[in-house]
N, C-alpha and C. Protein backbone atom coordinates (compact mmCIF):
# COMPACT_ATOMS: atom_id res chain seq x y z
N UNK A 1 121.73 55.21 192.61
CA UNK A 1 120.44 54.76 192.34
C UNK A 1 119.97 53.75 193.47
N UNK A 2 118.78 54.00 193.98
CA UNK A 2 118.31 53.05 195.13
C UNK A 2 117.76 51.82 194.38
N UNK A 3 117.80 50.69 195.14
CA UNK A 3 117.32 49.50 194.68
C UNK A 3 115.91 49.22 195.17
N UNK A 4 115.02 48.93 194.26
CA UNK A 4 113.63 48.65 194.59
C UNK A 4 113.41 47.14 194.85
N UNK A 5 112.68 46.73 195.81
CA UNK A 5 112.32 45.38 196.05
C UNK A 5 110.82 45.07 195.92
N UNK A 6 110.54 43.97 195.39
CA UNK A 6 109.12 43.58 195.21
C UNK A 6 108.53 43.35 196.62
N UNK A 7 107.38 44.02 196.82
CA UNK A 7 106.74 43.89 198.16
C UNK A 7 106.20 42.50 198.51
N UNK A 8 106.14 41.64 197.57
CA UNK A 8 105.67 40.23 197.82
C UNK A 8 106.77 39.24 198.07
N UNK A 9 107.76 39.26 197.23
CA UNK A 9 108.85 38.18 197.33
C UNK A 9 110.19 38.78 197.68
N UNK A 10 110.31 40.08 197.65
CA UNK A 10 111.58 40.84 198.01
C UNK A 10 112.74 40.71 196.94
N UNK A 11 112.34 40.15 195.77
CA UNK A 11 113.31 40.15 194.63
C UNK A 11 113.48 41.59 194.07
N UNK A 12 114.52 41.95 193.36
CA UNK A 12 114.68 43.27 192.77
C UNK A 12 113.49 43.50 191.85
N UNK A 13 113.05 44.69 191.84
CA UNK A 13 112.10 45.23 190.87
C UNK A 13 112.58 46.44 190.26
N UNK A 14 112.44 46.46 188.81
CA UNK A 14 112.95 47.57 188.11
C UNK A 14 111.92 48.62 187.65
N UNK A 15 112.19 49.84 187.92
CA UNK A 15 111.20 50.91 187.46
C UNK A 15 111.12 50.81 185.97
N UNK A 16 109.99 51.08 185.39
CA UNK A 16 109.83 51.02 184.03
C UNK A 16 109.35 49.64 183.42
N UNK A 17 109.46 48.63 184.26
CA UNK A 17 109.06 47.27 183.87
C UNK A 17 107.49 47.30 183.99
N UNK A 18 106.88 46.48 183.24
CA UNK A 18 105.37 46.42 183.22
C UNK A 18 104.71 46.06 184.55
N UNK A 19 105.39 45.26 185.38
CA UNK A 19 104.77 44.89 186.63
C UNK A 19 105.19 45.74 187.82
N UNK A 20 106.07 46.74 187.64
CA UNK A 20 106.57 47.58 188.72
C UNK A 20 105.41 48.16 189.43
N UNK A 21 105.42 48.15 190.75
CA UNK A 21 106.60 47.91 191.67
C UNK A 21 106.83 46.47 192.11
N UNK A 22 106.21 45.52 191.43
CA UNK A 22 106.43 44.20 191.59
C UNK A 22 107.46 43.66 190.68
N UNK A 23 108.11 42.51 190.92
CA UNK A 23 109.11 41.92 190.11
C UNK A 23 108.55 41.13 188.92
N UNK A 24 107.24 40.72 189.01
CA UNK A 24 106.70 39.88 187.96
C UNK A 24 105.12 40.03 188.00
N UNK A 25 104.49 39.57 186.94
CA UNK A 25 103.06 39.56 186.82
C UNK A 25 102.49 38.64 187.91
N UNK A 26 103.22 37.54 188.27
CA UNK A 26 102.76 36.65 189.32
C UNK A 26 102.64 37.40 190.68
N UNK A 27 103.63 38.12 191.05
CA UNK A 27 103.58 38.83 192.45
C UNK A 27 102.54 39.91 192.33
N UNK A 28 102.31 40.56 191.12
CA UNK A 28 101.21 41.54 190.93
C UNK A 28 99.87 40.92 191.23
N UNK A 29 99.64 39.72 190.66
CA UNK A 29 98.37 39.00 190.84
C UNK A 29 98.14 38.56 192.26
N UNK A 30 99.28 38.17 192.99
CA UNK A 30 99.21 37.69 194.35
C UNK A 30 98.74 39.00 195.18
N UNK A 31 99.28 40.11 194.91
CA UNK A 31 98.94 41.41 195.67
C UNK A 31 97.46 41.72 195.39
N UNK A 32 96.99 41.64 194.17
CA UNK A 32 95.59 41.91 193.76
C UNK A 32 94.67 40.92 194.51
N UNK A 33 95.08 39.68 194.55
CA UNK A 33 94.25 38.64 195.26
C UNK A 33 94.09 38.91 196.82
N UNK A 34 95.17 39.49 197.34
CA UNK A 34 95.13 39.80 198.77
C UNK A 34 94.10 40.95 199.06
N UNK A 35 94.09 41.98 198.10
CA UNK A 35 93.06 42.97 198.19
C UNK A 35 91.69 42.46 198.04
N UNK A 36 91.54 41.58 197.04
CA UNK A 36 90.17 40.93 196.77
C UNK A 36 89.66 40.06 197.91
N UNK A 37 90.63 39.41 198.62
CA UNK A 37 90.26 38.52 199.75
C UNK A 37 90.03 39.34 201.03
N UNK A 38 90.30 40.65 201.04
CA UNK A 38 90.16 41.48 202.21
C UNK A 38 91.33 41.37 203.25
N UNK A 39 92.46 40.82 202.72
CA UNK A 39 93.63 40.72 203.69
C UNK A 39 94.32 42.11 203.87
N UNK A 40 94.06 43.08 203.03
CA UNK A 40 94.52 44.38 203.09
C UNK A 40 93.34 45.24 203.47
N UNK A 41 93.55 46.17 204.35
CA UNK A 41 92.46 47.10 204.74
C UNK A 41 92.97 48.46 204.89
N UNK A 42 92.10 49.47 204.68
CA UNK A 42 92.42 50.79 204.93
C UNK A 42 92.37 51.03 206.46
N UNK A 43 93.36 51.63 207.07
CA UNK A 43 93.47 51.69 208.44
C UNK A 43 92.50 52.57 209.12
N UNK A 44 91.93 53.53 208.48
CA UNK A 44 91.03 54.48 209.02
C UNK A 44 89.95 54.78 208.09
N UNK A 45 88.73 55.32 208.65
CA UNK A 45 87.63 55.73 207.73
C UNK A 45 88.11 56.78 206.75
N UNK A 46 87.66 56.83 205.58
CA UNK A 46 87.99 57.87 204.67
C UNK A 46 87.19 59.19 204.97
N UNK A 47 87.91 60.29 204.82
CA UNK A 47 87.12 61.59 204.90
C UNK A 47 86.32 61.87 203.60
N UNK A 48 85.27 62.61 203.69
CA UNK A 48 84.57 62.89 202.39
C UNK A 48 85.36 63.43 201.28
N UNK A 49 86.48 64.21 201.54
CA UNK A 49 87.32 64.82 200.52
C UNK A 49 88.22 63.69 199.87
N UNK A 50 88.25 62.53 200.51
CA UNK A 50 89.15 61.46 199.94
C UNK A 50 88.36 60.50 199.03
N UNK A 51 87.03 60.65 199.06
CA UNK A 51 86.22 59.68 198.30
C UNK A 51 85.98 60.20 196.92
N UNK A 52 86.20 59.31 195.86
CA UNK A 52 85.91 59.77 194.48
C UNK A 52 84.46 59.48 194.21
N UNK A 53 83.65 60.39 194.05
CA UNK A 53 82.25 60.19 193.73
C UNK A 53 81.93 59.29 192.55
N UNK A 54 82.77 59.40 191.54
CA UNK A 54 82.54 58.52 190.38
C UNK A 54 82.74 57.07 190.64
N UNK A 55 83.59 56.78 191.51
CA UNK A 55 83.91 55.37 191.91
C UNK A 55 82.78 54.85 192.84
N UNK A 56 82.17 55.74 193.65
CA UNK A 56 81.11 55.36 194.57
C UNK A 56 79.71 55.32 193.93
N UNK A 57 79.66 55.58 192.59
CA UNK A 57 78.38 55.48 191.87
C UNK A 57 77.54 56.81 191.84
N UNK A 58 78.11 57.83 192.37
CA UNK A 58 77.38 59.19 192.31
C UNK A 58 78.00 59.90 191.16
N UNK A 59 77.23 60.68 190.43
CA UNK A 59 77.82 61.48 189.29
C UNK A 59 78.63 62.59 189.99
N UNK A 60 79.57 63.15 189.30
CA UNK A 60 80.26 64.25 189.82
C UNK A 60 79.45 65.52 189.78
N UNK A 61 79.77 66.49 190.64
CA UNK A 61 78.93 67.72 190.61
C UNK A 61 79.07 68.46 189.28
N UNK A 62 78.05 69.16 188.83
CA UNK A 62 78.12 70.00 187.62
C UNK A 62 79.05 71.11 187.88
N UNK A 63 79.79 71.50 186.85
CA UNK A 63 80.62 72.70 186.93
C UNK A 63 79.85 73.93 187.24
N UNK A 64 80.34 74.94 187.95
CA UNK A 64 79.58 76.13 188.29
C UNK A 64 79.09 76.87 187.00
N UNK A 65 77.85 77.37 187.13
CA UNK A 65 77.25 78.02 185.97
C UNK A 65 76.56 77.15 184.91
N UNK A 66 76.53 75.82 185.04
CA UNK A 66 75.96 74.97 184.02
C UNK A 66 74.68 74.32 184.53
N UNK A 67 74.15 74.68 185.68
CA UNK A 67 72.94 74.04 186.21
C UNK A 67 71.81 74.33 185.23
N UNK A 68 71.10 73.27 184.81
CA UNK A 68 69.94 73.34 184.08
C UNK A 68 70.19 73.53 182.57
N UNK A 69 71.41 73.62 182.20
CA UNK A 69 71.77 73.86 180.75
C UNK A 69 71.94 72.48 180.12
N UNK A 70 71.09 72.20 179.10
CA UNK A 70 71.18 70.94 178.37
C UNK A 70 70.91 71.11 176.95
């Protein structure tokens, strides 16, 4: 079995624990804060097929054959 390490503090992290892949809720919140502060960035622009329209505020396309049916 391989040993997992917390990406924040490098302590052992156990699969199945609530904070995994972090070792604790504290490290999980530190990571979330780094995203919120903009310290982590996506390295390249996203392609259109990688964007979730529901997250971007656009409704998902209607299933085929249901246009105008209400």
